Protein backbone atom coordinates (compact mmCIF):
# COMPACT_ATOMS: atom_id res chain seq x y z
CA MET A 1 140.28 163.13 95.94
CA ILE A 2 142.97 160.55 95.27
CA ARG A 3 142.52 159.14 98.77
CA ARG A 4 138.76 158.81 98.22
CA LYS A 5 139.31 156.90 94.97
CA THR A 6 141.84 154.66 96.67
CA LEU A 7 139.44 153.98 99.55
CA THR A 8 136.64 153.25 97.11
CA ARG A 9 138.81 150.76 95.24
CA VAL A 10 139.82 149.07 98.50
CA LEU A 11 136.21 148.75 99.65
CA PHE A 12 135.14 147.47 96.22
CA SER A 13 137.90 144.86 96.27
CA PHE A 14 136.89 143.87 99.80
CA PHE A 15 133.22 143.34 98.89
CA VAL A 16 134.19 141.37 95.78
CA ALA A 17 136.42 139.13 97.89
CA VAL A 18 133.67 138.61 100.50
CA SER A 19 131.11 137.78 97.81
CA ALA A 20 133.49 135.31 96.17
CA THR A 21 134.09 133.66 99.55
CA ARG A 22 130.34 133.31 100.16
CA VAL A 23 129.77 131.82 96.71
CA ALA A 24 132.62 129.37 97.27
CA ALA A 25 131.22 128.44 100.70
CA ALA A 26 127.74 127.91 99.23
CA ALA A 27 129.20 125.75 96.48
CA GLU A 28 131.08 123.72 99.08
CA VAL A 29 127.89 123.14 101.10
CA GLU A 30 126.04 122.12 97.93
CA MET A 31 128.82 119.70 97.04
CA HIS A 32 128.76 118.02 100.46
CA HIS A 33 124.94 117.76 100.54
CA PRO A 34 123.73 117.54 96.93
CA LYS A 35 120.30 118.86 96.08
CA GLY A 36 117.73 116.08 96.19
CA TRP A 37 120.04 113.83 98.22
CA GLN A 38 118.38 110.70 99.57
CA PHE A 39 119.71 107.85 101.68
CA LYS A 40 120.08 104.66 99.65
CA MET A 41 120.85 101.22 101.01
CA PRO A 42 123.66 99.24 99.36
CA LYS A 43 122.74 95.99 97.64
CA GLY A 44 122.48 93.10 100.08
CA ASP A 45 122.30 89.32 99.78
CA PRO A 46 118.72 87.99 100.24
CA VAL A 47 119.99 84.44 100.92
CA LYS A 48 122.17 85.64 103.78
CA GLY A 49 119.30 87.88 104.84
CA ARG A 50 117.02 84.87 105.25
CA ALA A 51 119.60 83.38 107.62
CA VAL A 52 119.60 86.66 109.58
CA PHE A 53 115.79 86.51 109.76
CA GLU A 54 116.10 83.04 111.29
CA LYS A 55 118.99 84.00 113.60
CA PHE A 56 116.94 86.72 115.26
CA SER A 57 113.76 84.57 115.29
CA CYS A 58 111.81 87.22 113.38
CA TYR A 59 109.31 84.47 112.52
CA SER A 60 108.18 84.58 116.17
CA CYS A 61 106.17 87.68 115.31
CA HIS A 62 105.97 87.64 111.50
CA GLU A 63 104.45 85.04 109.20
CA VAL A 64 106.09 84.70 105.77
CA ARG A 65 103.79 82.79 103.44
CA GLY A 66 105.68 80.28 101.33
CA GLU A 67 108.46 79.84 103.89
CA LYS A 68 108.77 76.95 106.35
CA PHE A 69 109.47 78.97 109.47
CA PRO A 70 107.75 78.01 112.73
CA ALA A 71 104.38 79.69 113.21
CA PRO A 72 104.35 82.93 115.27
CA ASP A 73 104.25 81.92 118.93
CA ASN A 74 103.06 85.13 120.58
CA ARG A 75 99.72 86.31 119.27
CA GLU A 76 99.93 89.50 121.33
CA ALA A 77 103.12 90.61 119.59
CA VAL A 78 102.41 89.45 116.05
CA GLY A 79 103.32 91.91 113.31
CA PRO A 80 102.18 91.98 109.66
CA GLU A 81 102.57 89.04 107.30
CA LEU A 82 105.65 89.84 105.24
CA SER A 83 105.44 88.07 101.86
CA GLN A 84 102.99 90.74 100.72
CA MET A 85 105.34 93.60 101.60
CA GLY A 86 108.20 93.18 99.12
CA PRO A 87 106.49 94.66 96.03
CA LEU A 88 104.87 97.47 98.04
CA HIS A 89 107.83 99.28 99.59
CA PRO A 90 111.33 100.50 98.69
CA LEU A 91 114.32 98.75 100.25
CA GLU A 92 114.96 101.59 102.71
CA TYR A 93 111.46 101.19 104.17
CA PHE A 94 112.42 97.78 105.54
CA THR A 95 115.68 99.11 106.96
CA GLU A 96 113.84 101.87 108.81
CA SER A 97 111.25 99.38 110.04
CA ILE A 98 114.06 97.47 111.75
CA VAL A 99 116.19 100.29 113.16
CA ASN A 100 113.28 102.57 114.06
CA PRO A 101 109.98 100.62 114.06
CA ASP A 102 108.18 103.49 115.82
CA ALA A 103 108.51 105.53 112.62
CA VAL A 104 106.43 103.32 110.36
CA GLY A 105 104.48 100.78 112.43
CA ALA A 106 100.69 100.72 112.03
CA LYS A 107 98.50 101.49 115.05
CA LYS A 108 97.37 97.89 115.41
CA TYR A 109 100.98 96.84 116.06
CA ARG A 110 101.61 99.43 118.78
CA GLY A 111 101.26 99.13 122.54
CA PRO A 112 99.23 101.35 124.91
CA ASP A 113 102.15 103.80 124.99
CA GLY A 114 101.90 104.29 121.23
CA ARG A 115 105.24 102.63 120.56
CA SER A 116 105.86 99.64 118.30
CA LYS A 117 105.73 96.21 119.94
CA MET A 118 108.69 95.14 117.81
CA PRO A 119 111.82 94.40 119.89
CA ALA A 120 115.02 96.40 119.31
CA PHE A 121 117.91 94.78 117.44
CA ASN A 122 120.22 97.77 117.03
CA ALA A 123 122.64 96.63 119.75
CA ASP A 124 122.94 93.07 118.40
CA MET A 125 122.56 93.22 114.62
CA THR A 126 125.61 94.12 112.54
CA VAL A 127 125.39 96.60 109.67
CA GLU A 128 126.04 93.77 107.20
CA GLU A 129 123.21 91.73 108.71
CA LEU A 130 120.91 94.76 108.50
CA ILE A 131 121.75 95.24 104.81
CA ASP A 132 121.15 91.55 104.03
CA VAL A 133 117.91 91.11 105.98
CA SER A 134 116.54 94.31 104.38
CA ALA A 135 117.37 92.80 100.97
CA TYR A 136 115.58 89.57 101.94
CA LEU A 137 112.42 91.38 102.97
CA ALA A 138 112.42 93.56 99.85
CA ALA A 139 112.77 90.46 97.67
CA LEU A 140 109.74 88.68 99.14
CA LYS A 141 106.72 88.13 96.92
CA PRO A 142 103.42 86.48 97.77
CA LYS A 143 103.08 82.98 96.32
CA GLY A 144 99.95 81.32 95.01
CA VAL A 145 98.06 84.61 94.80
CA PRO A 146 95.23 84.79 92.23
CA LYS A 147 95.47 87.15 89.27
CA SER A 148 93.06 89.54 90.94
CA VAL A 149 91.65 90.08 94.43
CA THR A 150 88.81 92.18 95.77
CA GLY A 151 88.85 94.46 98.80
CA VAL A 152 86.57 96.84 100.66
CA GLY A 153 87.59 100.07 102.32
CA LYS A 154 87.29 103.83 102.70
CA VAL A 155 88.93 106.34 100.35
CA ILE A 156 91.36 108.51 102.32
CA ALA A 157 92.83 110.60 99.51
CA LEU A 158 93.14 110.94 95.74
CA VAL A 159 96.59 111.69 94.27
CA PRO A 160 96.00 112.45 90.56
CA GLU A 161 99.61 113.51 89.90
CA SER A 162 100.83 109.99 90.70
CA GLN A 163 97.62 108.26 89.50
CA GLU A 164 96.98 106.83 92.97
CA VAL A 165 94.22 106.43 95.49
CA VAL A 166 94.89 105.96 99.21
CA VAL A 167 92.51 103.47 100.81
CA ASP A 168 91.99 102.36 104.40
CA HIS A 169 90.94 98.81 103.60
CA GLU A 170 89.90 95.71 105.47
CA GLU A 171 91.91 92.49 105.35
CA ILE A 172 92.11 90.97 101.88
CA LYS A 173 92.34 87.31 102.83
CA GLY A 174 95.35 85.48 101.49
CA PHE A 175 96.79 88.70 100.08
CA MET A 176 97.10 91.58 102.51
CA ASP A 177 96.39 92.63 106.08
CA ALA A 178 94.03 95.48 106.85
CA MET A 179 95.97 98.72 106.35
CA ILE A 180 96.08 102.18 104.81
CA MET A 181 97.75 101.83 101.42
CA GLY A 182 98.23 103.83 98.24
CA TYR A 183 97.52 102.02 94.95
CA LYS A 184 98.02 102.95 91.33
CA VAL A 185 94.73 103.18 89.44
CA ASN A 186 94.39 101.95 85.86
CA PRO A 187 92.54 103.40 84.04
CA THR A 188 93.07 106.77 85.77
CA SER A 189 89.53 107.80 84.82
CA LEU A 190 88.40 105.74 87.83
CA LEU A 191 89.70 108.53 90.07
CA LYS A 192 86.90 110.77 88.78
CA THR A 193 84.23 108.38 90.08
CA ILE A 194 85.21 108.57 93.75
CA LYS A 195 86.11 111.09 96.44
CA PRO A 196 87.65 111.02 99.94
CA GLY A 197 85.24 109.52 102.46
CA ASP A 198 83.58 107.14 99.98
CA ARG A 199 83.26 103.52 101.01
CA VAL A 200 84.29 101.40 98.04
CA ARG A 201 84.77 97.91 96.70
CA PHE A 202 87.84 97.57 94.48
CA THR A 203 89.67 94.96 92.41
CA ILE A 204 93.47 94.74 92.42
CA ASP A 205 95.56 93.28 89.61
CA THR A 206 98.06 91.43 91.82
CA ASP A 207 100.82 91.41 89.20
CA LYS A 208 100.66 95.13 88.51
CA ARG A 209 99.63 96.03 92.08
CA ALA A 210 97.06 98.37 90.59
CA ILE A 211 93.34 98.90 91.10
CA THR A 212 91.51 98.09 87.88
CA LYS A 213 87.91 98.35 89.10
CA ILE A 214 86.31 100.43 91.82
CA GLU A 215 82.71 101.06 92.83
CA LYS A 216 81.09 103.17 95.52
CA LEU A 217 79.15 101.38 98.23
CA LYS A 218 76.29 102.74 100.28
CA ASN A 219 77.55 104.04 103.62
């Protein structure tokens, strides 16, 4: 009887020790990879980033309205105009666009093989240059844009929880290339007047980057 009690105590102690080890291991994993972790770029220097943009002749494929770079010289390889992009995307979006353009490039900027036409810079660009040129792109803002612009497109999705509508729209001249883009809607009641698949005409407040008017068009 005494031996059984002793064995029971030993086994109990063993299982407690194992459980404690597992909890400690789980805590260690959580500490090394925090819940909700996300990659964040460090703050770069937009002025130095502009010099990086010039160094790698990025203007050969990308127009930047308001800058005095040479005009794009290869119409087959031209990418999107960039002054419109700064307010639309987080800093890390531009970093990924440079190091892995296949991940985010629109179809119109891809070749027959489905890959981005953008050349690779990973072997030549330093990490510091990458940080700075990303900061430059994120800091760009379109210049001379009217208070509001009008576009036409097709509703792809409604996202009520973030008060957004995703639209596949045509080019909005002087403001934005044709693309699929999510926009905030203000007032949010406008979301109730449309559904995915509708062809619409919409007005964007260019300061707020929000759709303020939207109407269904006949398909």
